[in-house]
Amino acid sequence: RSINPSPYMYYLNLDGFQIVGAAIETVVQVQDGIAATHPIAGTRPRGKTPDEDDTLEAELKNSEKQQAEHIMLVDLGRNDIGRVSVTGTVKVTQLMDVERFSHVMHLVSHVEGKLKPELSVYDALRSCFPAGTVSGAPKIRAMEIIAEVEGEKRGPYGGAVGYFSFSGNMDTALILRTGIYKDGVMHIQAGGGIVADSVPEDEFLETVHKAGALQRAIDLAEGKN
């Protein structure tokens, strides 16, 4: 909580292992009949000074690569929300705003629509899962490629954690910056989106920055400075 305060904080004590995480991205939420998703793509590390922060934010806003990646995910979010929304109600209420977190800053957008009355929150989750942030587009083909090239299964990483209420509301967070604790070992997972003009070294550094808060929390828990 102190190292990486986030909109979603979760701890799951499961059979033989525990999951702990600090999530910033919504897979999908339904509140009073409005279904919404919040695509996040485009990353810079936080600066060491306010001036450096401002410089990095300007770089993020002006990066054609980051903008292209983000717009792709906004379009995917509009499509996912549109499948379960009343025609004409889908809208982008926030587009590519920069939000700053403890170790990184991101481009963030909000997409919402009025859930069709004959559909449920489960339909909304089914339409939006998995999040485009972790699958890519088009979703099915992207997931096929992921299965082919990634050396091991992701486990809970890229999934969703949240709640369904008796009042018909729902909120689910994207499991990304997450630690899985098993047999005395904490496994940290983080990642970045790959597009045509991605630079491998930059993507690796981005992933390191994203995992930094979890690593720092572990170091503090072990008494390391």
Foldseek 3Di string as FASTA:
>chain_A
DVLWAEPDWDWDDDDQKIKTDHFHFWLWKADPQKIKGKDWWFKDWADPDPVVNVVRVVCRVPDPVRLVQRVQLVVLRQVLQVVFADPPFKDKPAFQDWDDINTMIIGMTMIMHGGDPVDAVVSSSVSRPQPCFPQPPPRVVSVVVCVVPDPDDPPCQSPWDWDADPVRIITIGGRAQMWMDHPRDTDGGHFHDDDDPDDVVVRVVRRCSSNVSVVVVVCVVVVHD
